[in-house]
Structures are given as C-alpha cells and as structure tokens.
Amino acid sequence: MTLQRLWSYVAIFLPLIFIVGLLIVVNQNPWFSFTDNALSDMGSIRNPVNYYFNGFLMVFSVLGFVASLGALRNGLAYLMPLAMVLLFLVGVFPEEYAPHGPAAVFFYVLALADIAIVGIKLGRKGLSAGYAWGVLAVLTFALMLYLVKAGVFKGLAIPELIGASTILTWFVYIGLLQFGTRRNSYRNP
C-alpha cells in the first residue's frame, strides 16, 4: 500500500472511527446528555473515567493529523493539520484548564476555514462541488454560533457535533478525491 492510499483510507474511515469512539466514551459516561452537556464534560478532571474521552480525542486527532498531512501534500488542506494539533490539545487539557477553551474554539475555526478555502479553490479549478463545500463550511459555523448564542441547548454537544459532522464528511470527500489522482494535482500552479 502506498502512502497516498494510506492517507486516503485514514481520511475515509475517520467518521467510522469517530462514531465508534464516541459510542464507547458515551457508554462509559451514562450521565452524559447531548442536550445538556459539552462533549468535553466527559473529559473533566472531576470525571473518574475522563481518560476515555481524553484518550480517544488524542488518538483520533493523531489519525486526523495523518489524514490532513496527506491532504496538505496533495493541495487539499492548509490549516487542517494545525486544527488537528489543537484538537489533540483539547484532549491534553481538560475543560478546567485555560488552554482547553481556546484550543477547542480554534479547532473549529481553523478546520471550517480550511474547508471553505480549499472548497473555493476546488471550485475555481472546475470542481463545482468545491463551492458547495465552501458555503457549507460557512453555514455550519454560522449555525454553531447561532445555537450557542441563542442558548437553544443547555450544553454545547449538539453544536459541536454539527461542526464535527461537516469536518468528518469533508475528510471522506477529500479521501475519495485523493484516490486515483496524481500527487499534488490539486496544488495551485
């Protein structure tokens, strides 16, 4: 298996890894509510099984980093590797520690900005779906902000999962794009 294929497979399977990991973590935290909690509540220092969430987040972000490096090498990412580093820090620093909040916020900002930037670039290169991705990234961010600011849910888990869904679906898209393409085929001339 070539490195190119490995990057693509990791990107394509990230949603499955995320779902399985999240199911395991939620199973270990029966008190957790998607409407009343933030996902990071499961990683709190007050939670005796916080290592499930924090460990999962760190392992997942390493896999996301691998996939985003492949995308970066192929011109399908700019900010995503840094976003994955920030996601790793969210796992390292539970919510009670100062770096947690900024790392979590900037993870979403950078990841969704990357999708918008690369989407527009793909649109300009003739892939009309790229423009749709750019719009989806902006709409996702706006929806997340609205849900948080309007207090639609007591917790942050639903807005976080909306952002995560767009990011994970993007990874599948770029993973599929990388199959059968020349390395660097999406780089700017």
C-alpha atoms as a PDB file:
ATOM      1  CA  MET A   1       0.000   0.000   0.000  1.00  0.00           C
ATOM      2  CA  THR A   2       1.346   3.383  -0.956  1.00  0.00           C
ATOM      3  CA  LEU A   3       1.480   6.296   1.446  1.00  0.00           C
ATOM      4  CA  GLN A   4      -1.062   8.078  -0.772  1.00  0.00           C
ATOM      5  CA  ARG A   5      -3.564   5.240  -0.328  1.00  0.00           C
ATOM      6  CA  LEU A   6      -2.928   5.106   3.423  1.00  0.00           C
ATOM      7  CA  TRP A   7      -3.742   8.825   3.754  1.00  0.00           C
ATOM      8  CA  SER A   8      -6.892   8.325   1.721  1.00  0.00           C
ATOM      9  CA  TYR A   9      -8.062   5.312   3.734  1.00  0.00           C
ATOM     10  CA  VAL A  10      -7.448   7.080   7.043  1.00  0.00           C
ATOM     11  CA  ALA A  11      -9.452  10.096   5.824  1.00  0.00           C
ATOM     12  CA  ILE A  12     -12.321   7.945   4.584  1.00  0.00           C
ATOM     13  CA  PHE A  13     -12.564   5.912   7.805  1.00  0.00           C
ATOM     14  CA  LEU A  14     -12.339   8.877  10.215  1.00  0.00           C
ATOM     15  CA  PRO A  15     -16.150   9.154  10.606  1.00  0.00           C
ATOM     16  CA  LEU A  16     -16.440   5.465  11.491  1.00  0.00           C
ATOM     17  CA  ILE A  17     -13.578   5.768  13.989  1.00  0.00           C
ATOM     18  CA  PHE A  18     -15.241   8.851  15.477  1.00  0.00           C
ATOM     19  CA  ILE A  19     -18.647   7.199  15.833  1.00  0.00           C
ATOM     20  CA  VAL A  20     -17.263   4.015  17.405  1.00  0.00           C
ATOM     21  CA  GLY A  21     -15.025   6.006  19.756  1.00  0.00           C
ATOM     22  CA  LEU A  22     -17.822   8.350  20.780  1.00  0.00           C
ATOM     23  CA  LEU A  23     -20.181   5.430  21.419  1.00  0.00           C
ATOM     24  CA  ILE A  24     -17.593   3.811  23.699  1.00  0.00           C
ATOM     25  CA  VAL A  25     -16.994   7.073  25.579  1.00  0.00           C
ATOM     26  CA  VAL A  26     -20.713   7.820  25.987  1.00  0.00           C
ATOM     27  CA  ASN A  27     -21.282   4.238  27.165  1.00  0.00           C
ATOM     28  CA  GLN A  28     -18.709   4.841  29.920  1.00  0.00           C
ATOM     29  CA  ASN A  29     -20.493   8.075  30.904  1.00  0.00           C
ATOM     30  CA  PRO A  30     -24.205   7.214  31.347  1.00  0.00           C
ATOM     31  CA  TRP A  31     -24.856  10.602  32.972  1.00  0.00           C
ATOM     32  CA  PHE A  32     -23.895  12.428  29.756  1.00  0.00           C
ATOM     33  CA  SER A  33     -26.661  14.275  27.874  1.00  0.00           C
ATOM     34  CA  PHE A  34     -26.234  15.536  24.309  1.00  0.00           C
ATOM     35  CA  THR A  35     -28.570  18.464  25.023  1.00  0.00           C
ATOM     36  CA  ASP A  36     -27.292  19.409  28.487  1.00  0.00           C
ATOM     37  CA  ASN A  37     -23.523  18.868  28.276  1.00  0.00           C
ATOM     38  CA  ALA A  38     -20.490  19.720  26.195  1.00  0.00           C
ATOM     39  CA  LEU A  39     -18.568  16.746  24.838  1.00  0.00           C
ATOM     40  CA  SER A  40     -15.609  17.899  26.915  1.00  0.00           C
ATOM     41  CA  ASP A  41     -17.604  17.374  30.108  1.00  0.00           C
ATOM     42  CA  MET A  42     -16.714  13.703  29.690  1.00  0.00           C
ATOM     43  CA  GLY A  43     -13.038  14.677  29.879  1.00  0.00           C
ATOM     44  CA  SER A  44     -13.387  16.808  33.007  1.00  0.00           C
ATOM     45  CA  ILE A  45     -10.907  16.266  35.842  1.00  0.00           C
ATOM     46  CA  ARG A  46     -13.965  15.659  38.051  1.00  0.00           C
ATOM     47  CA  ASN A  47     -14.962  12.654  35.945  1.00  0.00           C
ATOM     48  CA  PRO A  48     -13.277   9.469  37.235  1.00  0.00           C
ATOM     49  CA  VAL A  49     -13.314   7.944  33.723  1.00  0.00           C
ATOM     50  CA  ASN A  50     -12.157  11.089  31.889  1.00  0.00           C
ATOM     51  CA  TYR A  51      -9.305   9.144  30.298  1.00  0.00           C
ATOM     52  CA  TYR A  52     -11.788   7.504  27.909  1.00  0.00           C
ATOM     53  CA  PHE A  53     -12.736  10.829  26.343  1.00  0.00           C
ATOM     54  CA  ASN A  54      -9.323  12.486  26.539  1.00  0.00           C
ATOM     55  CA  GLY A  55      -7.509   9.405  25.259  1.00  0.00           C
ATOM     56  CA  PHE A  56      -9.989   8.944  22.439  1.00  0.00           C
ATOM     57  CA  LEU A  57      -9.631  12.585  21.426  1.00  0.00           C
ATOM     58  CA  MET A  58      -5.847  12.387  21.348  1.00  0.00           C
ATOM     59  CA  VAL A  59      -5.777   9.150  19.316  1.00  0.00           C
ATOM     60  CA  PHE A  60      -8.438  10.461  16.949  1.00  0.00           C
ATOM     61  CA  SER A  61      -6.581  13.746  16.422  1.00  0.00           C
ATOM     62  CA  VAL A  62      -3.363  11.869  15.564  1.00  0.00           C
ATOM     63  CA  LEU A  63      -5.266   9.933  12.887  1.00  0.00           C
ATOM     64  CA  GLY A  64      -6.827  13.187  11.683  1.00  0.00           C
ATOM     65  CA  PHE A  65      -3.371  14.739  11.566  1.00  0.00           C
ATOM     66  CA  VAL A  66      -2.105  11.864   9.392  1.00  0.00           C
ATOM     67  CA  ALA A  67      -5.054  12.284   7.020  1.00  0.00           C
ATOM     68  CA  SER A  68      -4.641  16.066   6.924  1.00  0.00           C
ATOM     69  CA  LEU A  69      -0.913  15.776   6.155  1.00  0.00           C
ATOM     70  CA  GLY A  70      -1.795  13.670   3.139  1.00  0.00           C
ATOM     71  CA  ALA A  71      -4.334  16.283   2.102  1.00  0.00           C
ATOM     72  CA  LEU A  72      -1.760  19.040   2.641  1.00  0.00           C
ATOM     73  CA  ARG A  73       0.748  17.261   0.408  1.00  0.00           C
ATOM     74  CA  ASN A  74      -1.921  16.995  -2.272  1.00  0.00           C
ATOM     75  CA  GLY A  75      -3.082  20.600  -2.073  1.00  0.00           C
ATOM     76  CA  LEU A  76      -6.324  19.698  -0.281  1.00  0.00           C
ATOM     77  CA  ALA A  77      -5.536  21.285   3.090  1.00  0.00           C
ATOM     78  CA  TYR A  78      -3.797  24.309   4.508  1.00  0.00           C
ATOM     79  CA  LEU A  79      -4.999  24.762   8.078  1.00  0.00           C
ATOM     80  CA  MET A  80      -6.303  21.275   8.887  1.00  0.00           C
ATOM     81  CA  PRO A  81      -3.021  19.878  10.275  1.00  0.00           C
ATOM     82  CA  LEU A  82      -2.878  22.758  12.759  1.00  0.00           C
ATOM     83  CA  ALA A  83      -6.564  22.217  13.595  1.00  0.00           C
ATOM     84  CA  MET A  84      -5.745  18.589  14.448  1.00  0.00           C
ATOM     85  CA  VAL A  85      -2.912  19.711  16.731  1.00  0.00           C
ATOM     86  CA  LEU A  86      -5.428  21.924  18.533  1.00  0.00           C
ATOM     87  CA  LEU A  87      -7.852  19.013  18.829  1.00  0.00           C
ATOM     88  CA  PHE A  88      -5.056  16.992  20.428  1.00  0.00           C
ATOM     89  CA  LEU A  89      -4.578  19.800  22.958  1.00  0.00           C
ATOM     90  CA  VAL A  90      -8.295  19.674  23.789  1.00  0.00           C
ATOM     91  CA  GLY A  91      -7.653  16.101  24.950  1.00  0.00           C
ATOM     92  CA  VAL A  92      -4.454  17.013  26.805  1.00  0.00           C
ATOM     93  CA  PHE A  93      -6.038  19.895  28.716  1.00  0.00           C
ATOM     94  CA  PRO A  94      -9.390  19.059  30.339  1.00  0.00           C
ATOM     95  CA  GLU A  95     -12.008  21.830  30.344  1.00  0.00           C
ATOM     96  CA  GLU A  96     -10.865  23.149  33.711  1.00  0.00           C
ATOM     97  CA  TYR A  97      -7.501  24.240  32.265  1.00  0.00           C
ATOM     98  CA  ALA A  98      -7.059  27.561  30.450  1.00  0.00           C
ATOM     99  CA  PRO A  99      -5.752  26.210  27.096  1.00  0.00           C
ATOM    100  CA  HIS A 100      -8.815  23.980  26.630  1.00  0.00           C
ATOM    101  CA  GLY A 101     -11.360  26.625  25.567  1.00  0.00           C
ATOM    102  CA  PRO A 102      -9.209  28.457  23.001  1.00  0.00           C
ATOM    103  CA  ALA A 103      -7.921  25.159  21.579  1.00  0.00           C
ATOM    104  CA  ALA A 104     -11.487  23.876  21.118  1.00  0.00           C
ATOM    105  CA  VAL A 105     -12.759  27.091  19.533  1.00  0.00           C
ATOM    106  CA  PHE A 106      -9.790  27.481  17.211  1.00  0.00           C
ATOM    107  CA  PHE A 107     -10.012  23.825  16.193  1.00  0.00           C
ATOM    108  CA  TYR A 108     -13.447  24.515  14.709  1.00  0.00           C
ATOM    109  CA  VAL A 109     -12.465  27.909  13.289  1.00  0.00           C
ATOM    110  CA  LEU A 110      -9.381  26.540  11.510  1.00  0.00           C
ATOM    111  CA  ALA A 111     -10.992  23.314  10.318  1.00  0.00           C
ATOM    112  CA  LEU A 112     -14.067  25.043   8.866  1.00  0.00           C
ATOM    113  CA  ALA A 113     -11.965  27.870   7.400  1.00  0.00           C
ATOM    114  CA  ASP A 114      -9.777  25.249   5.726  1.00  0.00           C
ATOM    115  CA  ILE A 115     -12.824  23.569   4.206  1.00  0.00           C
ATOM    116  CA  ALA A 116     -14.060  26.930   2.894  1.00  0.00           C
ATOM    117  CA  ILE A 117     -10.664  27.895   1.443  1.00  0.00           C
ATOM    118  CA  VAL A 118      -9.987  24.541  -0.202  1.00  0.00           C
ATOM    119  CA  GLY A 119     -13.598  24.303  -1.370  1.00  0.00           C
ATOM    120  CA  ILE A 120     -13.351  27.642  -3.157  1.00  0.00           C
ATOM    121  CA  LYS A 121     -10.003  26.591  -4.643  1.00  0.00           C
ATOM    122  CA  LEU A 122     -11.555  23.371  -5.955  1.00  0.00           C
ATOM    123  CA  GLY A 123     -14.469  25.336  -7.383  1.00  0.00           C
ATOM    124  CA  ARG A 124     -12.053  27.603  -9.238  1.00  0.00           C
ATOM    125  CA  LYS A 125     -10.312  24.522 -10.619  1.00  0.00           C
ATOM    126  CA  GLY A 126     -13.592  23.352 -12.135  1.00  0.00           C
ATOM    127  CA  LEU A 127     -14.955  21.117  -9.367  1.00  0.00           C
ATOM    128  CA  SER A 128     -18.320  22.772  -8.756  1.00  0.00           C
ATOM    129  CA  ALA A 129     -18.856  20.756  -5.559  1.00  0.00           C
ATOM    130  CA  GLY A 130     -15.980  22.772  -4.122  1.00  0.00           C
ATOM    131  CA  TYR A 131     -18.106  25.904  -3.980  1.00  0.00           C
ATOM    132  CA  ALA A 132     -20.831  23.948  -2.186  1.00  0.00           C
ATOM    133  CA  TRP A 133     -18.273  22.871   0.413  1.00  0.00           C
ATOM    134  CA  GLY A 134     -17.196  26.475   0.898  1.00  0.00           C
ATOM    135  CA  VAL A 135     -20.787  27.532   1.521  1.00  0.00           C
ATOM    136  CA  LEU A 136     -21.445  24.524   3.779  1.00  0.00           C
ATOM    137  CA  ALA A 137     -18.417  25.372   5.943  1.00  0.00           C
ATOM    138  CA  VAL A 138     -19.620  28.941   6.443  1.00  0.00           C
ATOM    139  CA  LEU A 139     -23.211  27.831   7.118  1.00  0.00           C
ATOM    140  CA  THR A 140     -22.007  25.211   9.601  1.00  0.00           C
ATOM    141  CA  PHE A 141     -20.013  27.797  11.518  1.00  0.00           C
ATOM    142  CA  ALA A 142     -22.944  30.223  11.488  1.00  0.00           C
ATOM    143  CA  LEU A 143     -25.336  27.524  12.717  1.00  0.00           C
ATOM    144  CA  MET A 144     -22.952  26.546  15.508  1.00  0.00           C
ATOM    145  CA  LEU A 145     -22.678  30.181  16.612  1.00  0.00           C
ATOM    146  CA  TYR A 146     -26.436  30.665  16.459  1.00  0.00           C
ATOM    147  CA  LEU A 147     -27.154  27.552  18.547  1.00  0.00           C
ATOM    148  CA  VAL A 148     -24.620  28.613  21.179  1.00  0.00           C
ATOM    149  CA  LYS A 149     -25.562  32.309  21.322  1.00  0.00           C
ATOM    150  CA  ALA A 150     -29.319  31.670  21.268  1.00  0.00           C
ATOM    151  CA  GLY A 151     -28.980  29.048  24.005  1.00  0.00           C
ATOM    152  CA  VAL A 152     -31.063  26.556  22.041  1.00  0.00           C
ATOM    153  CA  PHE A 153     -29.461  23.758  24.056  1.00  0.00           C
ATOM    154  CA  LYS A 154     -28.165  23.954  27.601  1.00  0.00           C
ATOM    155  CA  GLY A 155     -24.934  22.229  26.556  1.00  0.00           C
ATOM    156  CA  LEU A 156     -22.580  22.503  23.617  1.00  0.00           C
ATOM    157  CA  ALA A 157     -22.568  18.891  22.409  1.00  0.00           C
ATOM    158  CA  ILE A 158     -25.115  19.390  19.601  1.00  0.00           C
ATOM    159  CA  PRO A 159     -23.319  22.413  18.067  1.00  0.00           C
ATOM    160  CA  GLU A 160     -20.002  20.557  18.467  1.00  0.00           C
ATOM    161  CA  LEU A 161     -21.389  17.505  16.688  1.00  0.00           C
ATOM    162  CA  ILE A 162     -22.784  19.637  13.855  1.00  0.00           C
ATOM    163  CA  GLY A 163     -19.301  21.055  13.271  1.00  0.00           C
ATOM    164  CA  ALA A 164     -17.724  17.634  13.619  1.00  0.00           C
ATOM    165  CA  SER A 165     -20.171  16.169  11.076  1.00  0.00           C
ATOM    166  CA  THR A 166     -19.174  18.690   8.419  1.00  0.00           C
ATOM    167  CA  ILE A 167     -15.470  18.188   9.132  1.00  0.00           C
ATOM    168  CA  LEU A 168     -15.742  14.391   9.081  1.00  0.00           C
ATOM    169  CA  THR A 169     -17.747  14.393   5.858  1.00  0.00           C
ATOM    170  CA  TRP A 170     -15.117  16.673   4.330  1.00  0.00           C
ATOM    171  CA  PHE A 171     -12.430  14.125   5.217  1.00  0.00           C
ATOM    172  CA  VAL A 172     -14.383  11.433   3.374  1.00  0.00           C
ATOM    173  CA  TYR A 173     -14.706  13.746   0.364  1.00  0.00           C
ATOM    174  CA  ILE A 174     -11.012  14.609   0.172  1.00  0.00           C
ATOM    175  CA  GLY A 175     -10.087  10.991   0.872  1.00  0.00           C
ATOM    176  CA  LEU A 176     -12.124   9.939  -2.146  1.00  0.00           C
ATOM    177  CA  LEU A 177     -10.667  12.766  -4.235  1.00  0.00           C
ATOM    178  CA  GLN A 178      -7.163  11.540  -3.496  1.00  0.00           C
ATOM    179  CA  PHE A 179      -7.852   8.057  -4.859  1.00  0.00           C
ATOM    180  CA  GLY A 180      -6.727   7.844  -8.445  1.00  0.00           C
ATOM    181  CA  THR A 181      -5.270  11.347  -8.607  1.00  0.00           C
ATOM    182  CA  ARG A 182      -1.707  12.349  -9.182  1.00  0.00           C
ATOM    183  CA  ARG A 183       0.092  13.646  -6.143  1.00  0.00           C
ATOM    184  CA  ASN A 184      -0.097  17.429  -5.970  1.00  0.00           C
ATOM    185  CA  SER A 185      -2.823  17.529  -8.656  1.00  0.00           C
ATOM    186  CA  TYR A 186      -4.855  19.985  -6.588  1.00  0.00           C
ATOM    187  CA  ARG A 187      -1.972  22.304  -5.792  1.00  0.00           C
ATOM    188  CA  ASN A 188      -2.028  25.825  -7.170  1.00  0.00           C
ATOM    189  CA  PRO A 189       0.008  26.191 -10.386  1.00  0.00           C
END
